[in-house]
Amino acid sequence: MIAVDSSSWIAYLAGASGPDVAAVEDALAERQVCLPPVVLTELLSDPKLPRAVAELLAELPLLDPSAGYWERAGRLRSRVLAARRKARLADVLIAQSCLDHRVALITRDRDFRHFARLARLKLTA
C-alpha cells in the first residue's frame, strides 16, 4: 500500500504531470492506494469536487488512527518544530498516519521532507 497526499491528488485530478502524478497513476492501476483520514477530509472539503471523484475516494482504504496516535503526532510535531522546521498540523497528522502504518507517501509538498529527515517517513515522488 502507498498513501497519497492532497497535493498529489489535486495535481492528478487537474491533469498535471510530474513524477508524483505518474506514481499516483501506477498506484491506482495496481490497487495500492490508501488514504490518511486528513487527506480524505481535505479533498472532500472542496465544494466543487465532482461526485464521481468523491465516490472513488470513499472506496479507498483509510489509514485509521490506532491507540496513542494523537500523542505520537504531538511528539512528532514537537520534534520538527524544535528543529525549526515547518510542521503544519494537517501535514503532521498525515505523516503520523503513514509512519504508524509503515506506508510511503506520494507527495509534491516539499514540507514533508522534514518528516522524512527527522522521523524517517518514506516519500515517493
PDB file of N, CA and C in Angstrom:
ATOM      1  N   MET A   1       0.840  -1.182   0.000  1.00  0.00           N
ATOM      2  CA  MET A   1       0.000   0.000   0.000  1.00  0.00           C
ATOM      3  C   MET A   1       0.885   1.246   0.000  1.00  0.00           C
ATOM      4  N   ILE A   2       0.318   2.318  -0.546  1.00  0.00           N
ATOM      5  CA  ILE A   2       1.007   3.604  -0.568  1.00  0.00           C
ATOM      6  C   ILE A   2      -0.030   4.703  -0.389  1.00  0.00           C
ATOM      7  N   ALA A   3       0.288   5.678   0.439  1.00  0.00           N
ATOM      8  CA  ALA A   3      -0.622   6.791   0.700  1.00  0.00           C
ATOM      9  C   ALA A   3      -0.367   7.908  -0.303  1.00  0.00           C
ATOM     10  N   VAL A   4      -1.411   8.676  -0.560  1.00  0.00           N
ATOM     11  CA  VAL A   4      -1.292   9.809  -1.474  1.00  0.00           C
ATOM     12  C   VAL A   4      -1.723  11.064  -0.737  1.00  0.00           C
ATOM     13  N   ASP A   5      -0.877  12.084  -0.785  1.00  0.00           N
ATOM     14  CA  ASP A   5      -1.142  13.374  -0.155  1.00  0.00           C
ATOM     15  C   ASP A   5      -2.094  14.204  -1.022  1.00  0.00           C
ATOM     16  N   SER A   6      -2.740  15.154  -0.392  1.00  0.00           N
ATOM     17  CA  SER A   6      -3.678  16.044  -1.085  1.00  0.00           C
ATOM     18  C   SER A   6      -3.025  16.758  -2.268  1.00  0.00           C
ATOM     19  N   SER A   7      -1.783  17.200  -2.102  1.00  0.00           N
ATOM     20  CA  SER A   7      -1.106  17.937  -3.175  1.00  0.00           C
ATOM     21  C   SER A   7      -0.999  17.104  -4.449  1.00  0.00           C
ATOM     22  N   SER A   8      -0.719  15.832  -4.298  1.00  0.00           N
ATOM     23  CA  SER A   8      -0.598  14.961  -5.471  1.00  0.00           C
ATOM     24  C   SER A   8      -1.957  14.587  -6.032  1.00  0.00           C
ATOM     25  N   TRP A   9      -2.957  14.410  -5.165  1.00  0.00           N
ATOM     26  CA  TRP A   9      -4.316  14.158  -5.661  1.00  0.00           C
ATOM     27  C   TRP A   9      -4.797  15.339  -6.489  1.00  0.00           C
ATOM     28  N   ILE A  10      -4.583  16.541  -5.991  1.00  0.00           N
ATOM     29  CA  ILE A  10      -5.038  17.743  -6.696  1.00  0.00           C
ATOM     30  C   ILE A  10      -4.359  17.841  -8.053  1.00  0.00           C
ATOM     31  N   ALA A  11      -3.062  17.586  -8.094  1.00  0.00           N
ATOM     32  CA  ALA A  11      -2.334  17.607  -9.372  1.00  0.00           C
ATOM     33  C   ALA A  11      -2.856  16.527 -10.312  1.00  0.00           C
ATOM     34  N   TYR A  12      -3.047  15.336  -9.792  1.00  0.00           N
ATOM     35  CA  TYR A  12      -3.559  14.225 -10.597  1.00  0.00           C
ATOM     36  C   TYR A  12      -4.934  14.556 -11.172  1.00  0.00           C
ATOM     37  N   LEU A  13      -5.824  15.048 -10.328  1.00  0.00           N
ATOM     38  CA  LEU A  13      -7.195  15.357 -10.770  1.00  0.00           C
ATOM     39  C   LEU A  13      -7.241  16.528 -11.744  1.00  0.00           C
ATOM     40  N   ALA A  14      -6.244  17.413 -11.673  1.00  0.00           N
ATOM     41  CA  ALA A  14      -6.187  18.558 -12.584  1.00  0.00           C
ATOM     42  C   ALA A  14      -5.528  18.201 -13.915  1.00  0.00           C
ATOM     43  N   GLY A  15      -5.034  16.967 -14.029  1.00  0.00           N
ATOM     44  CA  GLY A  15      -4.380  16.548 -15.271  1.00  0.00           C
ATOM     45  C   GLY A  15      -2.956  17.044 -15.392  1.00  0.00           C
ATOM     46  N   ALA A  16      -2.349  17.418 -14.277  1.00  0.00           N
ATOM     47  CA  ALA A  16      -0.964  17.883 -14.293  1.00  0.00           C
ATOM     48  C   ALA A  16      -0.033  16.705 -14.578  1.00  0.00           C
ATOM     49  N   SER A  17       1.219  17.029 -14.781  1.00  0.00           N
ATOM     50  CA  SER A  17       2.209  15.976 -14.981  1.00  0.00           C
ATOM     51  C   SER A  17       3.264  16.092 -13.901  1.00  0.00           C
ATOM     52  N   GLY A  18       4.044  15.063 -13.784  1.00  0.00           N
ATOM     53  CA  GLY A  18       5.118  15.048 -12.799  1.00  0.00           C
ATOM     54  C   GLY A  18       5.300  13.659 -12.244  1.00  0.00           C
ATOM     55  N   PRO A  19       6.409  13.436 -11.561  1.00  0.00           N
ATOM     56  CA  PRO A  19       6.673  12.110 -11.027  1.00  0.00           C
ATOM     57  C   PRO A  19       5.628  11.665 -10.007  1.00  0.00           C
ATOM     58  N   ASP A  20       5.077  12.614  -9.250  1.00  0.00           N
ATOM     59  CA  ASP A  20       4.057  12.231  -8.269  1.00  0.00           C
ATOM     60  C   ASP A  20       2.769  11.799  -8.955  1.00  0.00           C
ATOM     61  N   VAL A  21       2.401  12.473 -10.020  1.00  0.00           N
ATOM     62  CA  VAL A  21       1.188  12.108 -10.760  1.00  0.00           C
ATOM     63  C   VAL A  21       1.357  10.726 -11.388  1.00  0.00           C
ATOM     64  N   ALA A  22       2.534  10.469 -11.946  1.00  0.00           N
ATOM     65  CA  ALA A  22       2.805   9.146 -12.506  1.00  0.00           C
ATOM     66  C   ALA A  22       2.739   8.077 -11.415  1.00  0.00           C
ATOM     67  N   ALA A  23       3.239   8.407 -10.234  1.00  0.00           N
ATOM     68  CA  ALA A  23       3.198   7.446  -9.120  1.00  0.00           C
ATOM     69  C   ALA A  23       1.755   7.191  -8.678  1.00  0.00           C
ATOM     70  N   VAL A  24       0.925   8.225  -8.679  1.00  0.00           N
ATOM     71  CA  VAL A  24      -0.497   8.051  -8.341  1.00  0.00           C
ATOM     72  C   VAL A  24      -1.154   7.138  -9.365  1.00  0.00           C
ATOM     73  N   GLU A  25      -0.904   7.388 -10.643  1.00  0.00           N
ATOM     74  CA  GLU A  25      -1.487   6.560 -11.704  1.00  0.00           C
ATOM     75  C   GLU A  25      -1.081   5.100 -11.539  1.00  0.00           C
ATOM     76  N   ASP A  26       0.203   4.865 -11.273  1.00  0.00           N
ATOM     77  CA  ASP A  26       0.692   3.497 -11.089  1.00  0.00           C
ATOM     78  C   ASP A  26       0.047   2.830  -9.871  1.00  0.00           C
ATOM     79  N   ALA A  27      -0.012   3.563  -8.771  1.00  0.00           N
ATOM     80  CA  ALA A  27      -0.587   3.003  -7.549  1.00  0.00           C
ATOM     81  C   ALA A  27      -2.068   2.698  -7.723  1.00  0.00           C
ATOM     82  N   LEU A  28      -2.788   3.561  -8.429  1.00  0.00           N
ATOM     83  CA  LEU A  28      -4.203   3.295  -8.701  1.00  0.00           C
ATOM     84  C   LEU A  28      -4.359   2.057  -9.582  1.00  0.00           C
ATOM     85  N   ALA A  29      -3.529   1.960 -10.616  1.00  0.00           N
ATOM     86  CA  ALA A  29      -3.610   0.819 -11.526  1.00  0.00           C
ATOM     87  C   ALA A  29      -3.326  -0.488 -10.791  1.00  0.00           C
ATOM     88  N   GLU A  30      -2.438  -0.432  -9.804  1.00  0.00           N
ATOM     89  CA  GLU A  30      -2.074  -1.630  -9.034  1.00  0.00           C
ATOM     90  C   GLU A  30      -2.956  -1.819  -7.797  1.00  0.00           C
ATOM     91  N   ARG A  31      -3.946  -0.952  -7.642  1.00  0.00           N
ATOM     92  CA  ARG A  31      -4.866  -1.006  -6.484  1.00  0.00           C
ATOM     93  C   ARG A  31      -4.102  -0.995  -5.166  1.00  0.00           C
ATOM     94  N   GLN A  32      -3.138  -0.082  -5.075  1.00  0.00           N
ATOM     95  CA  GLN A  32      -2.287   0.026  -3.889  1.00  0.00           C
ATOM     96  C   GLN A  32      -2.494   1.320  -3.110  1.00  0.00           C
ATOM     97  N   VAL A  33      -3.441   2.155  -3.510  1.00  0.00           N
ATOM     98  CA  VAL A  33      -3.639   3.461  -2.887  1.00  0.00           C
ATOM     99  C   VAL A  33      -4.426   3.341  -1.586  1.00  0.00           C
ATOM    100  N   CYS A  34      -3.961   4.076  -0.583  1.00  0.00           N
ATOM    101  CA  CYS A  34      -4.708   4.229   0.661  1.00  0.00           C
ATOM    102  C   CYS A  34      -4.659   5.709   1.038  1.00  0.00           C
ATOM    103  N   LEU A  35      -5.533   6.087   1.965  1.00  0.00           N
ATOM    104  CA  LEU A  35      -5.633   7.494   2.327  1.00  0.00           C
ATOM    105  C   LEU A  35      -5.483   7.728   3.821  1.00  0.00           C
ATOM    106  N   PRO A  36      -4.622   8.677   4.194  1.00  0.00           N
ATOM    107  CA  PRO A  36      -4.687   9.167   5.559  1.00  0.00           C
ATOM    108  C   PRO A  36      -6.033   9.903   5.718  1.00  0.00           C
ATOM    109  N   PRO A  37      -6.711   9.754   6.836  1.00  0.00           N
ATOM    110  CA  PRO A  37      -8.021  10.403   7.001  1.00  0.00           C
ATOM    111  C   PRO A  37      -8.007  11.912   6.748  1.00  0.00           C
ATOM    112  N   VAL A  38      -6.930  12.579   7.111  1.00  0.00           N
ATOM    113  CA  VAL A  38      -6.849  14.025   6.898  1.00  0.00           C
ATOM    114  C   VAL A  38      -6.885  14.356   5.405  1.00  0.00           C
ATOM    115  N   VAL A  39      -6.270  13.533   4.588  1.00  0.00           N
ATOM    116  CA  VAL A  39      -6.288  13.765   3.137  1.00  0.00           C
ATOM    117  C   VAL A  39      -7.723  13.640   2.618  1.00  0.00           C
ATOM    118  N   LEU A  40      -8.430  12.619   3.065  1.00  0.00           N
ATOM    119  CA  LEU A  40      -9.820  12.463   2.648  1.00  0.00           C
ATOM    120  C   LEU A  40     -10.625  13.692   3.055  1.00  0.00           C
ATOM    121  N   THR A  41     -10.441  14.171   4.263  1.00  0.00           N
ATOM    122  CA  THR A  41     -11.151  15.356   4.737  1.00  0.00           C
ATOM    123  C   THR A  41     -10.814  16.579   3.897  1.00  0.00           C
ATOM    124  N   GLU A  42      -9.534  16.778   3.602  1.00  0.00           N
ATOM    125  CA  GLU A  42      -9.126  17.925   2.788  1.00  0.00           C
ATOM    126  C   GLU A  42      -9.774  17.876   1.406  1.00  0.00           C
ATOM    127  N   LEU A  43      -9.743  16.712   0.776  1.00  0.00           N
ATOM    128  CA  LEU A  43     -10.282  16.596  -0.579  1.00  0.00           C
ATOM    129  C   LEU A  43     -11.793  16.751  -0.610  1.00  0.00           C
ATOM    130  N   LEU A  44     -12.482  16.149   0.348  1.00  0.00           N
ATOM    131  CA  LEU A  44     -13.944  16.254   0.375  1.00  0.00           C
ATOM    132  C   LEU A  44     -14.424  17.647   0.781  1.00  0.00           C
ATOM    133  N   SER A  45     -13.521  18.477   1.274  1.00  0.00           N
ATOM    134  CA  SER A  45     -13.864  19.849   1.655  1.00  0.00           C
ATOM    135  C   SER A  45     -14.062  20.757   0.451  1.00  0.00           C
ATOM    136  N   ASP A  46     -13.629  20.319  -0.716  1.00  0.00           N
ATOM    137  CA  ASP A  46     -13.762  21.127  -1.933  1.00  0.00           C
ATOM    138  C   ASP A  46     -15.206  21.079  -2.411  1.00  0.00           C
ATOM    139  N   PRO A  47     -15.932  22.217  -2.347  1.00  0.00           N
ATOM    140  CA  PRO A  47     -17.332  22.198  -2.773  1.00  0.00           C
ATOM    141  C   PRO A  47     -17.518  21.902  -4.265  1.00  0.00           C
ATOM    142  N   LYS A  48     -16.442  22.024  -5.049  1.00  0.00           N
ATOM    143  CA  LYS A  48     -16.529  21.764  -6.493  1.00  0.00           C
ATOM    144  C   LYS A  48     -16.059  20.358  -6.869  1.00  0.00           C
ATOM    145  N   LEU A  49     -15.758  19.544  -5.867  1.00  0.00           N
ATOM    146  CA  LEU A  49     -15.291  18.189  -6.148  1.00  0.00           C
ATOM    147  C   LEU A  49     -16.396  17.395  -6.848  1.00  0.00           C
ATOM    148  N   PRO A  50     -16.102  16.847  -8.020  1.00  0.00           N
ATOM    149  CA  PRO A  50     -17.125  16.065  -8.723  1.00  0.00           C
ATOM    150  C   PRO A  50     -17.570  14.859  -7.892  1.00  0.00           C
ATOM    151  N   ARG A  51     -18.833  14.556  -7.992  1.00  0.00           N
ATOM    152  CA  ARG A  51     -19.417  13.448  -7.234  1.00  0.00           C
ATOM    153  C   ARG A  51     -18.683  12.125  -7.509  1.00  0.00           C
ATOM    154  N   ALA A  52     -18.339  11.897  -8.769  1.00  0.00           N
ATOM    155  CA  ALA A  52     -17.650  10.648  -9.134  1.00  0.00           C
ATOM    156  C   ALA A  52     -16.305  10.538  -8.418  1.00  0.00           C
ATOM    157  N   VAL A  53     -15.603  11.647  -8.261  1.00  0.00           N
ATOM    158  CA  VAL A  53     -14.316  11.634  -7.568  1.00  0.00           C
ATOM    159  C   VAL A  53     -14.538  11.366  -6.086  1.00  0.00           C
ATOM    160  N   ALA A  54     -15.549  12.001  -5.501  1.00  0.00           N
ATOM    161  CA  ALA A  54     -15.870  11.766  -4.090  1.00  0.00           C
ATOM    162  C   ALA A  54     -16.198  10.293  -3.858  1.00  0.00           C
ATOM    163  N   GLU A  55     -16.915   9.679  -4.783  1.00  0.00           N
ATOM    164  CA  GLU A  55     -17.263   8.259  -4.657  1.00  0.00           C
ATOM    165  C   GLU A  55     -16.023   7.377  -4.767  1.00  0.00           C
ATOM    166  N   LEU A  56     -15.120   7.724  -5.678  1.00  0.00           N
ATOM    167  CA  LEU A  56     -13.861   6.983  -5.804  1.00  0.00           C
ATOM    168  C   LEU A  56     -13.069   7.069  -4.505  1.00  0.00           C
ATOM    169  N   LEU A  57     -12.932   8.261  -3.971  1.00  0.00           N
ATOM    170  CA  LEU A  57     -12.171   8.447  -2.743  1.00  0.00           C
ATOM    171  C   LEU A  57     -12.775   7.668  -1.580  1.00  0.00           C
ATOM    172  N   ALA A  58     -14.088   7.628  -1.522  1.00  0.00           N
ATOM    173  CA  ALA A  58     -14.771   6.919  -0.432  1.00  0.00           C
ATOM    174  C   ALA A  58     -14.521   5.408  -0.472  1.00  0.00           C
ATOM    175  N   GLU A  59     -14.158   4.890  -1.621  1.00  0.00           N
ATOM    176  CA  GLU A  59     -13.904   3.454  -1.761  1.00  0.00           C
ATOM    177  C   GLU A  59     -12.487   3.051  -1.370  1.00  0.00           C
ATOM    178  N   LEU A  60     -11.594   4.020  -1.231  1.00  0.00           N
ATOM    179  CA  LEU A  60     -10.198   3.710  -0.927  1.00  0.00           C
ATOM    180  C   LEU A  60     -10.020   3.399   0.556  1.00  0.00           C
ATOM    181  N   PRO A  61      -9.119   2.481   0.876  1.00  0.00           N
ATOM    182  CA  PRO A  61      -8.868   2.151   2.287  1.00  0.00           C
ATOM    183  C   PRO A  61      -8.283   3.351   3.044  1.00  0.00           C
ATOM    184  N   LEU A  62      -8.735   3.520   4.277  1.00  0.00           N
ATOM    185  CA  LEU A  62      -8.232   4.588   5.144  1.00  0.00           C
ATOM    186  C   LEU A  62      -7.195   4.045   6.113  1.00  0.00           C
ATOM    187  N   LEU A  63      -6.250   4.889   6.454  1.00  0.00           N
ATOM    188  CA  LEU A  63      -5.251   4.564   7.474  1.00  0.00           C
ATOM    189  C   LEU A  63      -5.814   5.028   8.815  1.00  0.00           C
ATOM    190  N   ASP A  64      -6.625   4.198   9.418  1.00  0.00           N
ATOM    191  CA  ASP A  64      -7.286   4.571  10.669  1.00  0.00           C
ATOM    192  C   ASP A  64      -6.276   4.768  11.788  1.00  0.00           C
ATOM    193  N   PRO A  65      -6.504   5.788  12.628  1.00  0.00           N
ATOM    194  CA  PRO A  65      -5.620   6.009  13.775  1.00  0.00           C
ATOM    195  C   PRO A  65      -5.704   4.856  14.771  1.00  0.00           C
ATOM    196  N   SER A  66      -4.574   4.525  15.353  1.00  0.00           N
ATOM    197  CA  SER A  66      -4.534   3.485  16.380  1.00  0.00           C
ATOM    198  C   SER A  66      -4.304   4.155  17.738  1.00  0.00           C
ATOM    199  N   ALA A  67      -4.382   3.373  18.778  1.00  0.00           N
ATOM    200  CA  ALA A  67      -4.196   3.896  20.133  1.00  0.00           C
ATOM    201  C   ALA A  67      -2.868   4.650  20.229  1.00  0.00           C
ATOM    202  N   GLY A  68      -2.911   5.814  20.822  1.00  0.00           N
ATOM    203  CA  GLY A  68      -1.718   6.619  21.003  1.00  0.00           C
ATOM    204  C   GLY A  68      -1.373   7.522  19.831  1.00  0.00           C
ATOM    205  N   TYR A  69      -2.177   7.482  18.781  1.00  0.00           N
ATOM    206  CA  TYR A  69      -1.911   8.263  17.566  1.00  0.00           C
ATOM    207  C   TYR A  69      -1.730   9.749  17.874  1.00  0.00           C
ATOM    208  N   TRP A  70      -2.655  10.311  18.638  1.00  0.00           N
ATOM    209  CA  TRP A  70      -2.627  11.755  18.889  1.00  0.00           C
ATOM    210  C   TRP A  70      -1.391  12.153  19.677  1.00  0.00           C
ATOM    211  N   GLU A  71      -0.989  11.332  20.625  1.00  0.00           N
ATOM    212  CA  GLU A  71       0.219  11.612  21.401  1.00  0.00           C
ATOM    213  C   GLU A  71       1.456  11.529  20.511  1.00  0.00           C
ATOM    214  N   ARG A  72       1.524  10.489  19.684  1.00  0.00           N
ATOM    215  CA  ARG A  72       2.676  10.352  18.778  1.00  0.00           C
ATOM    216  C   ARG A  72       2.734  11.531  17.813  1.00  0.00           C
ATOM    217  N   ALA A  73       1.581  11.952  17.313  1.00  0.00           N
ATOM    218  CA  ALA A  73       1.549  13.095  16.394  1.00  0.00           C
ATOM    219  C   ALA A  73       2.038  14.362  17.101  1.00  0.00           C
ATOM    220  N   GLY A  74       1.631  14.544  18.342  1.00  0.00           N
ATOM    221  CA  GLY A  74       2.083  15.711  19.096  1.00  0.00           C
ATOM    222  C   GLY A  74       3.588  15.700  19.311  1.00  0.00           C
ATOM    223  N   ARG A  75       4.137  14.544  19.635  1.00  0.00           N
ATOM    224  CA  ARG A  75       5.594  14.429  19.827  1.00  0.00           C
ATOM    225  C   ARG A  75       6.334  14.635  18.500  1.00  0.00           C
ATOM    226  N   LEU A  76       5.766  14.120  17.424  1.00  0.00           N
ATOM    227  CA  LEU A  76       6.378  14.310  16.106  1.00  0.00           C
ATOM    228  C   LEU A  76       6.427  15.791  15.752  1.00  0.00           C
ATOM    229  N   ARG A  77       5.317  16.475  15.953  1.00  0.00           N
ATOM    230  CA  ARG A  77       5.277  17.905  15.635  1.00  0.00           C
ATOM    231  C   ARG A  77       6.272  18.669  16.502  1.00  0.00           C
ATOM    232  N   SER A  78       6.371  18.305  17.765  1.00  0.00           N
ATOM    233  CA  SER A  78       7.313  18.951  18.667  1.00  0.00           C
ATOM    234  C   SER A  78       8.744  18.790  18.168  1.00  0.00           C
ATOM    235  N   ARG A  79       9.097  17.583  17.713  1.00  0.00           N
ATOM    236  CA  ARG A  79      10.456  17.339  17.197  1.00  0.00           C
ATOM    237  C   ARG A  79      10.755  18.185  15.982  1.00  0.00           C
ATOM    238  N   VAL A  80       9.796  18.265  15.060  1.00  0.00           N
ATOM    239  CA  VAL A  80      10.014  19.040  13.837  1.00  0.00           C
ATOM    240  C   VAL A  80      10.115  20.527  14.167  1.00  0.00           C
ATOM    241  N   LEU A  81       9.244  21.010  15.039  1.00  0.00           N
ATOM    242  CA  LEU A  81       9.295  22.418  15.421  1.00  0.00           C
ATOM    243  C   LEU A  81      10.582  22.744  16.180  1.00  0.00           C
ATOM    244  N   ALA A  82      11.047  21.819  17.020  1.00  0.00           N
ATOM    245  CA  ALA A  82      12.298  22.032  17.757  1.00  0.00           C
ATOM    246  C   ALA A  82      13.484  22.154  16.804  1.00  0.00           C
ATOM    247  N   ALA A  83      13.381  21.511  15.643  1.00  0.00           N
ATOM    248  CA  ALA A  83      14.427  21.608  14.620  1.00  0.00           C
ATOM    249  C   ALA A  83      14.250  22.862  13.767  1.00  0.00           C
ATOM    250  N   ARG A  84      13.289  23.707  14.169  1.00  0.00           N
ATOM    251  CA  ARG A  84      12.990  24.969  13.467  1.00  0.00           C
ATOM    252  C   ARG A  84      12.564  24.742  12.020  1.00  0.00           C
ATOM    253  N   ARG A  85      11.723  23.728  11.851  1.00  0.00           N
ATOM    254  CA  ARG A  85      11.174  23.402  10.536  1.00  0.00           C
ATOM    255  C   ARG A  85       9.665  23.593  10.560  1.00  0.00           C
ATOM    256  N   LYS A  86       9.098  23.726   9.384  1.00  0.00           N
ATOM    257  CA  LYS A  86       7.656  23.904   9.255  1.00  0.00           C
ATOM    258  C   LYS A  86       6.952  22.590   9.583  1.00  0.00           C
ATOM    259  N   ALA A  87       5.881  22.689  10.379  1.00  0.00           N
ATOM    260  CA  ALA A  87       5.127  21.488  10.762  1.00  0.00           C
ATOM    261  C   ALA A  87       3.649  21.850  10.872  1.00  0.00           C
ATOM    262  N   ARG A  88       3.016  22.029   9.720  1.00  0.00           N
ATOM    263  CA  ARG A  88       1.574  22.310   9.725  1.00  0.00           C
ATOM    264  C   ARG A  88       0.848  21.110  10.317  1.00  0.00           C
ATOM    265  N   LEU A  89      -0.213  21.400  11.050  1.00  0.00           N
ATOM    266  CA  LEU A  89      -0.913  20.340  11.771  1.00  0.00           C
ATOM    267  C   LEU A  89      -1.416  19.248  10.831  1.00  0.00           C
ATOM    268  N   ALA A  90      -2.021  19.615   9.709  1.00  0.00           N
ATOM    269  CA  ALA A  90      -2.516  18.593   8.775  1.00  0.00           C
ATOM    270  C   ALA A  90      -1.367  17.721   8.272  1.00  0.00           C
ATOM    271  N   ASP A  91      -0.220  18.334   7.974  1.00  0.00           N
ATOM    272  CA  ASP A  91       0.933  17.565   7.497  1.00  0.00           C
ATOM    273  C   ASP A  91       1.428  16.594   8.567  1.00  0.00           C
ATOM    274  N   VAL A  92       1.444  17.043   9.815  1.00  0.00           N
ATOM    275  CA  VAL A  92       1.870  16.172  10.914  1.00  0.00           C
ATOM    276  C   VAL A  92       0.955  14.961  11.011  1.00  0.00           C
ATOM    277  N   LEU A  93      -0.353  15.207  10.930  1.00  0.00           N
ATOM    278  CA  LEU A  93      -1.317  14.110  11.057  1.00  0.00           C
ATOM    279  C   LEU A  93      -1.196  13.126   9.889  1.00  0.00           C
ATOM    280  N   ILE A  94      -0.944  13.638   8.703  1.00  0.00           N
ATOM    281  CA  ILE A  94      -0.740  12.773   7.534  1.00  0.00           C
ATOM    282  C   ILE A  94       0.541  11.952   7.715  1.00  0.00           C
ATOM    283  N   ALA A  95       1.611  12.616   8.097  1.00  0.00           N
ATOM    284  CA  ALA A  95       2.885  11.920   8.289  1.00  0.00           C
ATOM    285  C   ALA A  95       2.762  10.841   9.363  1.00  0.00           C
ATOM    286  N   GLN A  96       2.105  11.159  10.472  1.00  0.00           N
ATOM    287  CA  GLN A  96       1.973  10.182  11.551  1.00  0.00           C
ATOM    288  C   GLN A  96       1.144   8.979  11.102  1.00  0.00           C
ATOM    289  N   SER A  97       0.105   9.216  10.319  1.00  0.00           N
ATOM    290  CA  SER A  97      -0.689   8.094   9.785  1.00  0.00           C
ATOM    291  C   SER A  97       0.186   7.162   8.957  1.00  0.00           C
ATOM    292  N   CYS A  98       1.020   7.735   8.110  1.00  0.00           N
ATOM    293  CA  CYS A  98       1.899   6.924   7.268  1.00  0.00           C
ATOM    294  C   CYS A  98       2.943   6.191   8.098  1.00  0.00           C
ATOM    295  N   LEU A  99       3.513   6.872   9.070  1.00  0.00           N
ATOM    296  CA  LEU A  99       4.508   6.235   9.935  1.00  0.00           C
ATOM    297  C   LEU A  99       3.891   5.070  10.704  1.00  0.00           C
ATOM    298  N   ASP A 100       2.706   5.281  11.266  1.00  0.00           N
ATOM    299  CA  ASP A 100       2.062   4.226  12.047  1.00  0.00           C
ATOM    300  C   ASP A 100       1.754   2.988  11.211  1.00  0.00           C
ATOM    301  N   HIS A 101       1.389   3.199   9.952  1.00  0.00           N
ATOM    302  CA  HIS A 101       1.008   2.083   9.085  1.00  0.00           C
ATOM    303  C   HIS A 101       2.158   1.600   8.203  1.00  0.00           C
ATOM    304  N   ARG A 102       3.315   2.237   8.377  1.00  0.00           N
ATOM    305  CA  ARG A 102       4.520   1.868   7.621  1.00  0.00           C
ATOM    306  C   ARG A 102       4.285   1.884   6.113  1.00  0.00           C
ATOM    307  N   VAL A 103       3.686   2.975   5.644  1.00  0.00           N
ATOM    308  CA  VAL A 103       3.474   3.140   4.213  1.00  0.00           C
ATOM    309  C   VAL A 103       4.188   4.410   3.751  1.00  0.00           C
ATOM    310  N   ALA A 104       4.629   4.385   2.516  1.00  0.00           N
ATOM    311  CA  ALA A 104       5.251   5.563   1.910  1.00  0.00           C
ATOM    312  C   ALA A 104       4.165   6.559   1.522  1.00  0.00           C
ATOM    313  N   LEU A 105       4.582   7.790   1.288  1.00  0.00           N
ATOM    314  CA  LEU A 105       3.654   8.860   0.926  1.00  0.00           C
ATOM    315  C   LEU A 105       4.054   9.454  -0.412  1.00  0.00           C
ATOM    316  N   ILE A 106       3.118   9.480  -1.334  1.00  0.00           N
ATOM    317  CA  ILE A 106       3.308  10.186  -2.602  1.00  0.00           C
ATOM    318  C   ILE A 106       2.901  11.631  -2.347  1.00  0.00           C
ATOM    319  N   THR A 107       3.811  12.557  -2.620  1.00  0.00           N
ATOM    320  CA  THR A 107       3.512  13.969  -2.398  1.00  0.00           C
ATOM    321  C   THR A 107       4.378  14.853  -3.273  1.00  0.00           C
ATOM    322  N   ARG A 108       3.873  16.041  -3.553  1.00  0.00           N
ATOM    323  CA  ARG A 108       4.692  17.058  -4.197  1.00  0.00           C
ATOM    324  C   ARG A 108       4.960  18.196  -3.232  1.00  0.00           C
ATOM    325  N   ASP A 109       4.452  18.076  -2.021  1.00  0.00           N
ATOM    326  CA  ASP A 109       4.625  19.086  -0.974  1.00  0.00           C
ATOM    327  C   ASP A 109       5.986  18.888  -0.309  1.00  0.00           C
ATOM    328  N   ARG A 110       6.876  19.841  -0.517  1.00  0.00           N
ATOM    329  CA  ARG A 110       8.250  19.724  -0.009  1.00  0.00           C
ATOM    330  C   ARG A 110       8.328  19.801   1.515  1.00  0.00           C
ATOM    331  N   ASP A 111       7.287  20.256   2.188  1.00  0.00           N
ATOM    332  CA  ASP A 111       7.320  20.325   3.651  1.00  0.00           C
ATOM    333  C   ASP A 111       7.443  18.942   4.289  1.00  0.00           C
ATOM    334  N   PHE A 112       7.055  17.905   3.583  1.00  0.00           N
ATOM    335  CA  PHE A 112       7.152  16.557   4.140  1.00  0.00           C
ATOM    336  C   PHE A 112       8.592  16.068   4.252  1.00  0.00           C
ATOM    337  N   ARG A 113       9.523  16.736   3.591  1.00  0.00           N
ATOM    338  CA  ARG A 113      10.927  16.310   3.676  1.00  0.00           C
ATOM    339  C   ARG A 113      11.446  16.407   5.113  1.00  0.00           C
ATOM    340  N   HIS A 114      10.871  17.315   5.917  1.00  0.00           N
ATOM    341  CA  HIS A 114      11.283  17.438   7.325  1.00  0.00           C
ATOM    342  C   HIS A 114      10.921  16.170   8.099  1.00  0.00           C
ATOM    343  N   PHE A 115       9.764  15.603   7.784  1.00  0.00           N
ATOM    344  CA  PHE A 115       9.339  14.372   8.448  1.00  0.00           C
ATOM    345  C   PHE A 115      10.195  13.191   7.970  1.00  0.00           C
ATOM    346  N   ALA A 116      10.612  13.254   6.713  1.00  0.00           N
ATOM    347  CA  ALA A 116      11.477  12.200   6.186  1.00  0.00           C
ATOM    348  C   ALA A 116      12.823  12.228   6.908  1.00  0.00           C
ATOM    349  N   ARG A 117      13.366  13.415   7.105  1.00  0.00           N
ATOM    350  CA  ARG A 117      14.656  13.545   7.756  1.00  0.00           C
ATOM    351  C   ARG A 117      14.607  13.212   9.242  1.00  0.00           C
ATOM    352  N   LEU A 118      13.606  13.737   9.913  1.00  0.00           N
ATOM    353  CA  LEU A 118      13.563  13.616  11.377  1.00  0.00           C
ATOM    354  C   LEU A 118      12.848  12.374  11.892  1.00  0.00           C
ATOM    355  N   ALA A 119      11.957  11.799  11.083  1.00  0.00           N
ATOM    356  CA  ALA A 119      11.177  10.641  11.560  1.00  0.00           C
ATOM    357  C   ALA A 119      11.215   9.467  10.601  1.00  0.00           C
ATOM    358  N   ARG A 120      11.999   9.596   9.560  1.00  0.00           N
ATOM    359  CA  ARG A 120      12.152   8.512   8.579  1.00  0.00           C
ATOM    360  C   ARG A 120      10.872   8.168   7.815  1.00  0.00           C
ATOM    361  N   LEU A 121      10.068   9.184   7.576  1.00  0.00           N
ATOM    362  CA  LEU A 121       8.901   8.996   6.705  1.00  0.00           C
ATOM    363  C   LEU A 121       9.427   8.739   5.304  1.00  0.00           C
ATOM    364  N   LYS A 122       8.934   7.682   4.675  1.00  0.00           N
ATOM    365  CA  LYS A 122       9.377   7.359   3.313  1.00  0.00           C
ATOM    366  C   LYS A 122       8.517   8.148   2.330  1.00  0.00           C
ATOM    367  N   LEU A 123       9.170   8.911   1.472  1.00  0.00           N
ATOM    368  CA  LEU A 123       8.477   9.731   0.474  1.00  0.00           C
ATOM    369  C   LEU A 123       8.709   9.176  -0.924  1.00  0.00           C
ATOM    370  N   THR A 124       7.697   9.333  -1.753  1.00  0.00           N
ATOM    371  CA  THR A 124       7.768   8.947  -3.148  1.00  0.00           C
ATOM    372  C   THR A 124       7.371  10.153  -3.980  1.00  0.00           C
ATOM    373  N   ALA A 125       8.115  10.395  -5.032  1.00  0.00           N
ATOM    374  CA  ALA A 125       7.870  11.487  -5.980  1.00  0.00           C
ATOM    375  C   ALA A 125       8.219  12.821  -5.456  1.00  0.00           C
TER     376      ALA A 125
END
